[in-house]
Amino acid sequence: DDIKPFWSSFYPIVSRELPFAVTKFLVFDLAAGNIAGLINNSNMMGSDTKIQVGVGSAGLLLSAFSGALAGIAGAFVSHPADLILTLTSASSRQEGEDKDWKVIVKELLSSDGGVLNLYSGFPARAVFFFLVIGAQFFLYDYVKTLLEVGTDDLTLVLDVFYAIRQGL
């Protein structure tokens, strides 16, 4: 019974973090690849110059922009779970009985606005993740460039981990 509070928000946390992470990386890869392909196919950078994600000024800008789009998409997908988690946490601080997350969802859906209530406060969250995730991908690629770490280097590290795991 004493451990119940630790597990009360497990499902909302998992339902927030997992979709956020999957969406963030999926949208980043799709956006960066498609935008780079569009720019390269239209010869906007010149016929000899091809943009690469995270390489050079244009690539870093592309990385930051794609990351910003990924942040908005991740925020959209995970916002209902984050709202439920916040309301669950707030109800535990108020006097009286703690509300289960299922009760909170029923109250939100039955109120005026219905499903849209699950997106209360979304614009602020979208702006936050637009900035944070855009900066995250920019900094990741910038540091990779500074340290001269390429895709082949990262693949080599993964190959070593695989070999260790296999006992080779």
N, C-alpha and C. Protein backbone atom coordinates (compact mmCIF):
# COMPACT_ATOMS: atom_id res chain seq x y z
N ASP A 1 0.83 -1.20 0.00
CA ASP A 1 0.00 0.00 0.00
C ASP A 1 0.87 1.26 0.00
N ASP A 2 2.04 1.21 0.63
CA ASP A 2 2.91 2.39 0.66
C ASP A 2 3.59 2.64 -0.68
N ILE A 3 3.66 1.64 -1.51
CA ILE A 3 4.33 1.79 -2.80
C ILE A 3 3.38 2.28 -3.90
N LYS A 4 2.09 2.27 -3.62
CA LYS A 4 1.09 2.65 -4.62
C LYS A 4 1.32 4.05 -5.21
N PRO A 5 1.68 5.05 -4.40
CA PRO A 5 1.91 6.38 -5.00
C PRO A 5 3.03 6.40 -6.04
N PHE A 6 4.02 5.53 -5.88
CA PHE A 6 5.10 5.49 -6.84
C PHE A 6 4.64 4.97 -8.20
N TRP A 7 3.66 4.10 -8.20
CA TRP A 7 3.18 3.49 -9.43
C TRP A 7 1.94 4.16 -9.99
N SER A 8 1.35 5.09 -9.27
CA SER A 8 0.08 5.68 -9.70
C SER A 8 0.19 6.45 -11.01
N SER A 9 1.35 6.99 -11.30
CA SER A 9 1.49 7.75 -12.55
C SER A 9 2.40 7.04 -13.56
N PHE A 10 2.63 5.74 -13.35
CA PHE A 10 3.49 5.00 -14.27
C PHE A 10 2.94 5.00 -15.70
N TYR A 11 1.68 4.66 -15.87
CA TYR A 11 1.10 4.59 -17.21
C TYR A 11 1.06 5.96 -17.89
N PRO A 12 0.68 7.02 -17.19
CA PRO A 12 0.75 8.33 -17.86
C PRO A 12 2.18 8.73 -18.26
N ILE A 13 3.17 8.38 -17.44
CA ILE A 13 4.55 8.73 -17.79
C ILE A 13 4.99 7.96 -19.04
N VAL A 14 4.72 6.65 -19.06
CA VAL A 14 5.09 5.85 -20.22
C VAL A 14 4.32 6.31 -21.46
N SER A 15 3.04 6.63 -21.28
CA SER A 15 2.24 7.05 -22.43
C SER A 15 2.61 8.46 -22.89
N ARG A 16 3.41 9.17 -22.12
CA ARG A 16 3.92 10.47 -22.55
C ARG A 16 5.29 10.33 -23.18
N GLU A 17 6.20 9.65 -22.52
CA GLU A 17 7.59 9.60 -22.95
C GLU A 17 7.81 8.76 -24.21
N LEU A 18 7.20 7.61 -24.29
CA LEU A 18 7.41 6.73 -25.43
C LEU A 18 6.91 7.35 -26.74
N PRO A 19 5.66 7.81 -26.80
CA PRO A 19 5.22 8.46 -28.05
C PRO A 19 6.03 9.71 -28.38
N PHE A 20 6.43 10.47 -27.36
CA PHE A 20 7.21 11.68 -27.60
C PHE A 20 8.54 11.33 -28.28
N ALA A 21 9.25 10.36 -27.72
CA ALA A 21 10.56 10.00 -28.26
C ALA A 21 10.45 9.42 -29.67
N VAL A 22 9.50 8.52 -29.88
CA VAL A 22 9.33 7.90 -31.19
C VAL A 22 8.97 8.96 -32.23
N THR A 23 8.03 9.81 -31.89
CA THR A 23 7.59 10.86 -32.82
C THR A 23 8.72 11.85 -33.11
N LYS A 24 9.45 12.22 -32.07
CA LYS A 24 10.55 13.19 -32.23
C LYS A 24 11.56 12.69 -33.25
N PHE A 25 12.04 11.46 -33.10
CA PHE A 25 13.06 10.96 -34.02
C PHE A 25 12.50 10.65 -35.40
N LEU A 26 11.28 10.16 -35.45
CA LEU A 26 10.66 9.87 -36.75
C LEU A 26 10.46 11.14 -37.55
N VAL A 27 9.88 12.16 -36.94
CA VAL A 27 9.62 13.42 -37.65
C VAL A 27 10.93 14.10 -38.02
N PHE A 28 11.93 14.05 -37.13
CA PHE A 28 13.23 14.64 -37.47
C PHE A 28 13.80 13.99 -38.72
N ASP A 29 13.85 12.66 -38.73
CA ASP A 29 14.41 11.96 -39.89
C ASP A 29 13.64 12.23 -41.17
N LEU A 30 12.31 12.20 -41.08
CA LEU A 30 11.49 12.45 -42.26
C LEU A 30 11.65 13.89 -42.75
N ALA A 31 11.59 14.84 -41.83
CA ALA A 31 11.69 16.26 -42.22
C ALA A 31 13.07 16.57 -42.79
N ALA A 32 14.12 16.15 -42.09
CA ALA A 32 15.48 16.45 -42.55
C ALA A 32 15.75 15.80 -43.90
N GLY A 33 15.37 14.55 -44.06
CA GLY A 33 15.60 13.86 -45.32
C GLY A 33 14.83 14.47 -46.47
N ASN A 34 13.56 14.77 -46.24
CA ASN A 34 12.74 15.34 -47.31
C ASN A 34 13.15 16.76 -47.67
N ILE A 35 13.47 17.57 -46.68
CA ILE A 35 13.89 18.95 -46.96
C ILE A 35 15.23 18.95 -47.68
N ALA A 36 16.17 18.12 -47.22
CA ALA A 36 17.48 18.03 -47.90
C ALA A 36 17.29 17.54 -49.33
N GLY A 37 16.45 16.54 -49.53
CA GLY A 37 16.19 16.04 -50.88
C GLY A 37 15.57 17.10 -51.77
N LEU A 38 14.63 17.86 -51.21
CA LEU A 38 13.98 18.92 -51.98
C LEU A 38 14.99 19.99 -52.39
N ILE A 39 15.83 20.39 -51.45
CA ILE A 39 16.84 21.42 -51.74
C ILE A 39 17.85 20.90 -52.75
N ASN A 40 18.32 19.67 -52.54
CA ASN A 40 19.33 19.11 -53.45
C ASN A 40 18.78 18.88 -54.86
N ASN A 41 17.53 18.43 -54.97
CA ASN A 41 16.94 18.19 -56.28
C ASN A 41 16.62 19.47 -57.04
N SER A 42 16.38 20.55 -56.31
CA SER A 42 16.05 21.81 -56.98
C SER A 42 17.28 22.65 -57.27
N ASN A 43 18.46 22.16 -56.87
CA ASN A 43 19.72 22.87 -57.08
C ASN A 43 19.72 24.27 -56.47
N MET A 44 19.03 24.46 -55.36
CA MET A 44 19.00 25.75 -54.67
C MET A 44 20.39 26.15 -54.18
N MET A 45 21.21 25.17 -53.82
CA MET A 45 22.54 25.43 -53.30
C MET A 45 23.59 25.41 -54.41
N GLY A 46 23.15 25.25 -55.65
CA GLY A 46 24.07 25.11 -56.78
C GLY A 46 24.17 23.64 -57.15
N SER A 47 24.53 23.37 -58.38
CA SER A 47 24.55 21.98 -58.85
C SER A 47 25.66 21.16 -58.21
N ASP A 48 26.74 21.80 -57.79
CA ASP A 48 27.86 21.07 -57.20
C ASP A 48 27.72 20.89 -55.69
N THR A 49 26.95 21.74 -55.05
CA THR A 49 26.83 21.71 -53.60
C THR A 49 25.56 20.96 -53.19
N LYS A 50 25.74 19.95 -52.37
CA LYS A 50 24.61 19.18 -51.83
C LYS A 50 24.58 19.40 -50.33
N ILE A 51 23.39 19.67 -49.81
CA ILE A 51 23.23 19.87 -48.37
C ILE A 51 23.17 18.50 -47.68
N GLN A 52 23.86 18.40 -46.55
CA GLN A 52 23.82 17.21 -45.72
C GLN A 52 23.37 17.63 -44.33
N VAL A 53 22.55 16.81 -43.72
CA VAL A 53 22.03 17.12 -42.38
C VAL A 53 23.19 17.23 -41.40
N GLY A 54 23.29 18.37 -40.73
CA GLY A 54 24.29 18.57 -39.69
C GLY A 54 25.68 18.90 -40.17
N VAL A 55 25.88 19.05 -41.49
CA VAL A 55 27.21 19.33 -42.03
C VAL A 55 27.20 20.73 -42.64
N GLY A 56 28.07 21.59 -42.16
CA GLY A 56 28.14 22.96 -42.65
C GLY A 56 27.02 23.81 -42.06
N SER A 57 27.06 25.07 -42.39
CA SER A 57 26.06 26.01 -41.86
C SER A 57 24.65 25.65 -42.29
N ALA A 58 24.48 25.34 -43.57
CA ALA A 58 23.14 24.99 -44.07
C ALA A 58 22.65 23.69 -43.45
N GLY A 59 23.54 22.74 -43.27
CA GLY A 59 23.16 21.46 -42.66
C GLY A 59 22.78 21.61 -41.20
N LEU A 60 23.50 22.50 -40.48
CA LEU A 60 23.15 22.75 -39.08
C LEU A 60 21.81 23.47 -38.97
N LEU A 61 21.57 24.40 -39.88
CA LEU A 61 20.27 25.08 -39.92
C LEU A 61 19.15 24.09 -40.22
N LEU A 62 19.40 23.19 -41.16
CA LEU A 62 18.42 22.15 -41.48
C LEU A 62 18.17 21.25 -40.28
N SER A 63 19.22 20.92 -39.56
CA SER A 63 19.10 20.08 -38.37
C SER A 63 18.26 20.78 -37.30
N ALA A 64 18.54 22.06 -37.07
CA ALA A 64 17.78 22.82 -36.07
C ALA A 64 16.31 22.95 -36.47
N PHE A 65 16.04 23.25 -37.73
CA PHE A 65 14.66 23.41 -38.20
C PHE A 65 13.89 22.09 -38.13
N SER A 66 14.53 21.01 -38.58
CA SER A 66 13.88 19.70 -38.52
C SER A 66 13.63 19.29 -37.08
N GLY A 67 14.58 19.61 -36.20
CA GLY A 67 14.40 19.33 -34.77
C GLY A 67 13.25 20.13 -34.18
N ALA A 68 13.12 21.38 -34.61
CA ALA A 68 12.02 22.21 -34.12
C ALA A 68 10.67 21.64 -34.54
N LEU A 69 10.58 21.19 -35.79
CA LEU A 69 9.34 20.55 -36.26
C LEU A 69 9.06 19.27 -35.48
N ALA A 70 10.13 18.51 -35.22
CA ALA A 70 9.99 17.28 -34.45
C ALA A 70 9.52 17.58 -33.03
N GLY A 71 9.97 18.67 -32.46
CA GLY A 71 9.54 19.06 -31.12
C GLY A 71 8.05 19.37 -31.06
N ILE A 72 7.55 20.07 -32.08
CA ILE A 72 6.12 20.37 -32.12
C ILE A 72 5.31 19.09 -32.28
N ALA A 73 5.75 18.20 -33.17
CA ALA A 73 5.03 16.94 -33.38
C ALA A 73 5.05 16.08 -32.12
N GLY A 74 6.19 16.01 -31.46
CA GLY A 74 6.29 15.25 -30.21
C GLY A 74 5.40 15.83 -29.13
N ALA A 75 5.37 17.15 -29.05
CA ALA A 75 4.51 17.81 -28.06
C ALA A 75 3.04 17.51 -28.34
N PHE A 76 2.65 17.52 -29.61
CA PHE A 76 1.26 17.25 -29.97
C PHE A 76 0.85 15.84 -29.56
N VAL A 77 1.70 14.88 -29.84
CA VAL A 77 1.39 13.48 -29.56
C VAL A 77 1.36 13.19 -28.05
N SER A 78 2.27 13.81 -27.32
CA SER A 78 2.40 13.48 -25.90
C SER A 78 1.65 14.42 -24.95
N HIS A 79 1.09 15.50 -25.48
CA HIS A 79 0.45 16.49 -24.60
C HIS A 79 -0.71 15.93 -23.77
N PRO A 80 -1.62 15.15 -24.32
CA PRO A 80 -2.69 14.63 -23.47
C PRO A 80 -2.17 13.85 -22.26
N ALA A 81 -1.18 13.01 -22.47
CA ALA A 81 -0.63 12.24 -21.35
C ALA A 81 0.06 13.15 -20.35
N ASP A 82 0.76 14.18 -20.83
CA ASP A 82 1.42 15.11 -19.92
C ASP A 82 0.40 15.89 -19.10
N LEU A 83 -0.68 16.29 -19.74
CA LEU A 83 -1.74 17.00 -19.02
C LEU A 83 -2.34 16.11 -17.93
N ILE A 84 -2.60 14.86 -18.26
CA ILE A 84 -3.16 13.91 -17.29
C ILE A 84 -2.19 13.70 -16.14
N LEU A 85 -0.91 13.56 -16.45
CA LEU A 85 0.10 13.39 -15.42
C LEU A 85 0.16 14.60 -14.50
N THR A 86 0.10 15.79 -15.08
CA THR A 86 0.11 17.02 -14.28
C THR A 86 -1.11 17.10 -13.38
N LEU A 87 -2.28 16.79 -13.92
CA LEU A 87 -3.51 16.84 -13.13
C LEU A 87 -3.52 15.77 -12.05
N THR A 88 -2.96 14.61 -12.32
CA THR A 88 -2.85 13.55 -11.32
C THR A 88 -1.96 14.00 -10.17
N SER A 89 -0.84 14.61 -10.52
CA SER A 89 0.09 15.11 -9.52
C SER A 89 -0.54 16.23 -8.69
N ALA A 90 -1.27 17.13 -9.37
CA ALA A 90 -1.92 18.24 -8.66
C ALA A 90 -3.00 17.74 -7.72
N SER A 91 -3.72 16.70 -8.12
CA SER A 91 -4.79 16.20 -7.26
C SER A 91 -4.23 15.52 -6.02
N SER A 92 -3.01 14.99 -6.10
CA SER A 92 -2.41 14.34 -4.94
C SER A 92 -1.94 15.37 -3.91
N ARG A 93 -1.71 16.61 -4.35
CA ARG A 93 -1.29 17.67 -3.42
C ARG A 93 -2.47 18.35 -2.73
N GLN A 94 -3.65 18.22 -3.33
CA GLN A 94 -4.83 18.84 -2.73
C GLN A 94 -5.35 17.96 -1.59
N GLU A 95 -6.04 18.62 -0.68
CA GLU A 95 -6.64 17.85 0.42
C GLU A 95 -7.76 16.98 -0.12
N GLY A 96 -7.93 15.85 0.48
CA GLY A 96 -8.97 14.94 0.03
C GLY A 96 -8.35 13.73 -0.63
N GLU A 97 -9.19 12.98 -1.30
CA GLU A 97 -8.75 11.74 -1.92
C GLU A 97 -8.05 12.00 -3.25
N ASP A 98 -6.97 11.24 -3.49
CA ASP A 98 -6.26 11.33 -4.77
C ASP A 98 -7.15 10.82 -5.89
N LYS A 99 -7.09 11.51 -7.02
CA LYS A 99 -7.85 11.07 -8.18
C LYS A 99 -6.99 10.15 -9.04
N ASP A 100 -7.57 9.07 -9.47
CA ASP A 100 -6.91 8.17 -10.39
C ASP A 100 -6.90 8.83 -11.77
N TRP A 101 -5.90 8.51 -12.60
CA TRP A 101 -5.80 9.14 -13.91
C TRP A 101 -7.00 8.82 -14.79
N LYS A 102 -7.61 7.66 -14.58
CA LYS A 102 -8.79 7.30 -15.38
C LYS A 102 -9.97 8.22 -15.07
N VAL A 103 -10.11 8.60 -13.80
CA VAL A 103 -11.17 9.53 -13.39
C VAL A 103 -10.94 10.90 -14.01
N ILE A 104 -9.68 11.32 -14.03
CA ILE A 104 -9.34 12.63 -14.61
C ILE A 104 -9.66 12.65 -16.10
N VAL A 105 -9.35 11.58 -16.81
CA VAL A 105 -9.65 11.50 -18.25
C VAL A 105 -11.16 11.57 -18.47
N LYS A 106 -11.93 10.84 -17.67
CA LYS A 106 -13.39 10.87 -17.82
C LYS A 106 -13.93 12.27 -17.58
N GLU A 107 -13.41 12.96 -16.57
CA GLU A 107 -13.86 14.33 -16.29
C GLU A 107 -13.53 15.27 -17.45
N LEU A 108 -12.32 15.15 -17.99
CA LEU A 108 -11.93 16.01 -19.11
C LEU A 108 -12.80 15.77 -20.34
N LEU A 109 -13.04 14.51 -20.64
CA LEU A 109 -13.82 14.19 -21.84
C LEU A 109 -15.30 14.53 -21.69
N SER A 110 -15.81 14.47 -20.47
CA SER A 110 -17.23 14.76 -20.26
C SER A 110 -17.50 16.26 -20.11
N SER A 111 -16.47 17.07 -19.92
CA SER A 111 -16.63 18.52 -19.81
C SER A 111 -16.88 19.13 -21.18
N ASP A 112 -17.37 20.39 -21.17
CA ASP A 112 -17.55 21.11 -22.44
C ASP A 112 -16.22 21.18 -23.17
N GLY A 113 -16.23 20.84 -24.44
CA GLY A 113 -15.01 20.84 -25.24
C GLY A 113 -14.56 19.42 -25.58
N GLY A 114 -14.93 18.46 -24.76
CA GLY A 114 -14.62 17.06 -25.03
C GLY A 114 -13.15 16.78 -25.21
N VAL A 115 -12.80 16.19 -26.33
CA VAL A 115 -11.42 15.77 -26.61
C VAL A 115 -10.47 16.97 -26.64
N LEU A 116 -10.96 18.13 -27.04
CA LEU A 116 -10.11 19.32 -27.09
C LEU A 116 -9.57 19.70 -25.71
N ASN A 117 -10.26 19.27 -24.65
CA ASN A 117 -9.78 19.54 -23.29
C ASN A 117 -8.43 18.87 -23.04
N LEU A 118 -8.15 17.80 -23.76
CA LEU A 118 -6.86 17.11 -23.60
C LEU A 118 -5.70 17.94 -24.15
N TYR A 119 -6.01 18.99 -24.91
CA TYR A 119 -4.97 19.85 -25.48
C TYR A 119 -4.94 21.24 -24.83
N SER A 120 -5.50 21.33 -23.64
CA SER A 120 -5.45 22.59 -22.89
C SER A 120 -3.99 22.91 -22.56
N GLY A 121 -3.55 24.10 -22.92
CA GLY A 121 -2.17 24.51 -22.66
C GLY A 121 -1.18 24.06 -23.72
N PHE A 122 -1.64 23.50 -24.82
CA PHE A 122 -0.75 22.99 -25.85
C PHE A 122 0.14 24.07 -26.49
N PRO A 123 -0.38 25.27 -26.80
CA PRO A 123 0.49 26.25 -27.48
C PRO A 123 1.79 26.55 -26.71
N ALA A 124 1.72 26.67 -25.40
CA ALA A 124 2.93 26.94 -24.62
C ALA A 124 3.90 25.76 -24.70
N ARG A 125 3.36 24.56 -24.61
CA ARG A 125 4.20 23.35 -24.70
C ARG A 125 4.83 23.24 -26.09
N ALA A 126 4.09 23.58 -27.14
CA ALA A 126 4.61 23.51 -28.50
C ALA A 126 5.76 24.49 -28.69
N VAL A 127 5.63 25.70 -28.19
CA VAL A 127 6.70 26.69 -28.31
C VAL A 127 7.94 26.21 -27.55
N PHE A 128 7.73 25.68 -26.35
CA PHE A 128 8.84 25.19 -25.54
C PHE A 128 9.62 24.10 -26.29
N PHE A 129 8.92 23.10 -26.80
CA PHE A 129 9.60 22.00 -27.46
C PHE A 129 10.12 22.38 -28.85
N PHE A 130 9.50 23.36 -29.49
CA PHE A 130 10.04 23.90 -30.74
C PHE A 130 11.46 24.39 -30.49
N LEU A 131 11.64 25.14 -29.41
CA LEU A 131 12.95 25.71 -29.08
C LEU A 131 13.91 24.65 -28.54
N VAL A 132 13.46 23.84 -27.60
CA VAL A 132 14.34 22.90 -26.92
C VAL A 132 14.81 21.78 -27.86
N ILE A 133 13.91 21.17 -28.59
CA ILE A 133 14.29 20.05 -29.45
C ILE A 133 15.06 20.56 -30.66
N GLY A 134 14.72 21.73 -31.18
CA GLY A 134 15.51 22.33 -32.25
C GLY A 134 16.94 22.56 -31.80
N ALA A 135 17.11 23.10 -30.60
CA ALA A 135 18.45 23.33 -30.05
C ALA A 135 19.17 22.00 -29.78
N GLN A 136 18.43 21.00 -29.33
CA GLN A 136 19.02 19.69 -29.05
C GLN A 136 19.65 19.10 -30.30
N PHE A 137 18.93 19.06 -31.41
CA PHE A 137 19.46 18.49 -32.63
C PHE A 137 20.58 19.35 -33.21
N PHE A 138 20.46 20.68 -33.10
CA PHE A 138 21.52 21.57 -33.56
C PHE A 138 22.80 21.30 -32.78
N LEU A 139 22.71 21.27 -31.46
CA LEU A 139 23.89 21.06 -30.63
C LEU A 139 24.51 19.68 -30.84
N TYR A 140 23.68 18.67 -31.00
CA TYR A 140 24.18 17.33 -31.26
C TYR A 140 25.04 17.31 -32.53
N ASP A 141 24.50 17.87 -33.61
CA ASP A 141 25.24 17.88 -34.87
C ASP A 141 26.44 18.81 -34.82
N TYR A 142 26.33 19.92 -34.10
CA TYR A 142 27.44 20.86 -33.97
C TYR A 142 28.61 20.21 -33.23
N VAL A 143 28.32 19.54 -32.13
CA VAL A 143 29.37 18.88 -31.35
C VAL A 143 29.97 17.72 -32.15
N LYS A 144 29.13 16.99 -32.88
CA LYS A 144 29.65 15.93 -33.75
C LYS A 144 30.63 16.50 -34.76
N THR A 145 30.31 17.66 -35.31
CA THR A 145 31.20 18.31 -36.28
C THR A 145 32.49 18.77 -35.61
N LEU A 146 32.37 19.38 -34.43
CA LEU A 146 33.56 19.83 -33.71
C LEU A 146 34.50 18.69 -33.38
N LEU A 147 33.95 17.55 -32.99
CA LEU A 147 34.76 16.39 -32.61
C LEU A 147 35.11 15.51 -33.80
N GLU A 148 34.65 15.92 -34.98
CA GLU A 148 34.90 15.19 -36.22
C GLU A 148 34.44 13.73 -36.14
N VAL A 149 33.24 13.56 -35.61
CA VAL A 149 32.63 12.24 -35.51
C VAL A 149 31.66 12.09 -36.68
N GLY A 150 31.86 11.06 -37.48
CA GLY A 150 31.01 10.82 -38.63
C GLY A 150 30.11 9.61 -38.41
N THR A 151 29.27 9.36 -39.38
CA THR A 151 28.35 8.22 -39.32
C THR A 151 29.11 6.91 -39.23
N ASP A 152 30.22 6.80 -39.96
CA ASP A 152 31.01 5.57 -39.91
C ASP A 152 31.56 5.32 -38.52
N ASP A 153 31.94 6.39 -37.80
CA ASP A 153 32.44 6.23 -36.44
C ASP A 153 31.36 5.69 -35.51
N LEU A 154 30.16 6.21 -35.65
CA LEU A 154 29.05 5.75 -34.80
C LEU A 154 28.68 4.31 -35.12
N THR A 155 28.74 3.93 -36.40
CA THR A 155 28.45 2.56 -36.80
C THR A 155 29.49 1.61 -36.24
N LEU A 156 30.75 2.03 -36.24
CA LEU A 156 31.83 1.21 -35.69
C LEU A 156 31.61 0.94 -34.21
N VAL A 157 31.21 1.96 -33.46
CA VAL A 157 30.95 1.79 -32.03
C VAL A 157 29.81 0.79 -31.82
N LEU A 158 28.76 0.90 -32.60
CA LEU A 158 27.64 -0.04 -32.48
C LEU A 158 28.07 -1.45 -32.84
N ASP A 159 28.95 -1.60 -33.84
CA ASP A 159 29.46 -2.92 -34.19
C ASP A 159 30.26 -3.54 -33.05
N VAL A 160 31.05 -2.73 -32.35
CA VAL A 160 31.82 -3.22 -31.21
C VAL A 160 30.88 -3.68 -30.10
N PHE A 161 29.84 -2.89 -29.79
CA PHE A 161 28.88 -3.28 -28.77
C PHE A 161 28.17 -4.57 -29.14
N TYR A 162 27.84 -4.72 -30.41
CA TYR A 162 27.19 -5.94 -30.88
C TYR A 162 28.11 -7.15 -30.71
N ALA A 163 29.38 -6.97 -31.06
CA ALA A 163 30.34 -8.07 -30.93
C ALA A 163 30.52 -8.46 -29.47
N ILE A 164 30.59 -7.51 -28.58
CA ILE A 164 30.72 -7.80 -27.16
C ILE A 164 29.50 -8.57 -26.66
N ARG A 165 28.35 -8.13 -27.09
CA ARG A 165 27.10 -8.79 -26.65
C ARG A 165 27.04 -10.24 -27.16
N GLN A 166 27.55 -10.48 -28.35
CA GLN A 166 27.54 -11.81 -28.93
C GLN A 166 28.66 -12.71 -28.38
N GLY A 167 29.56 -12.10 -27.57
CA GLY A 167 30.66 -12.87 -27.01
C GLY A 167 31.78 -13.15 -27.99
N LEU A 168 31.89 -12.28 -28.99
CA LEU A 168 32.93 -12.48 -30.01
C LEU A 168 34.24 -11.86 -29.58
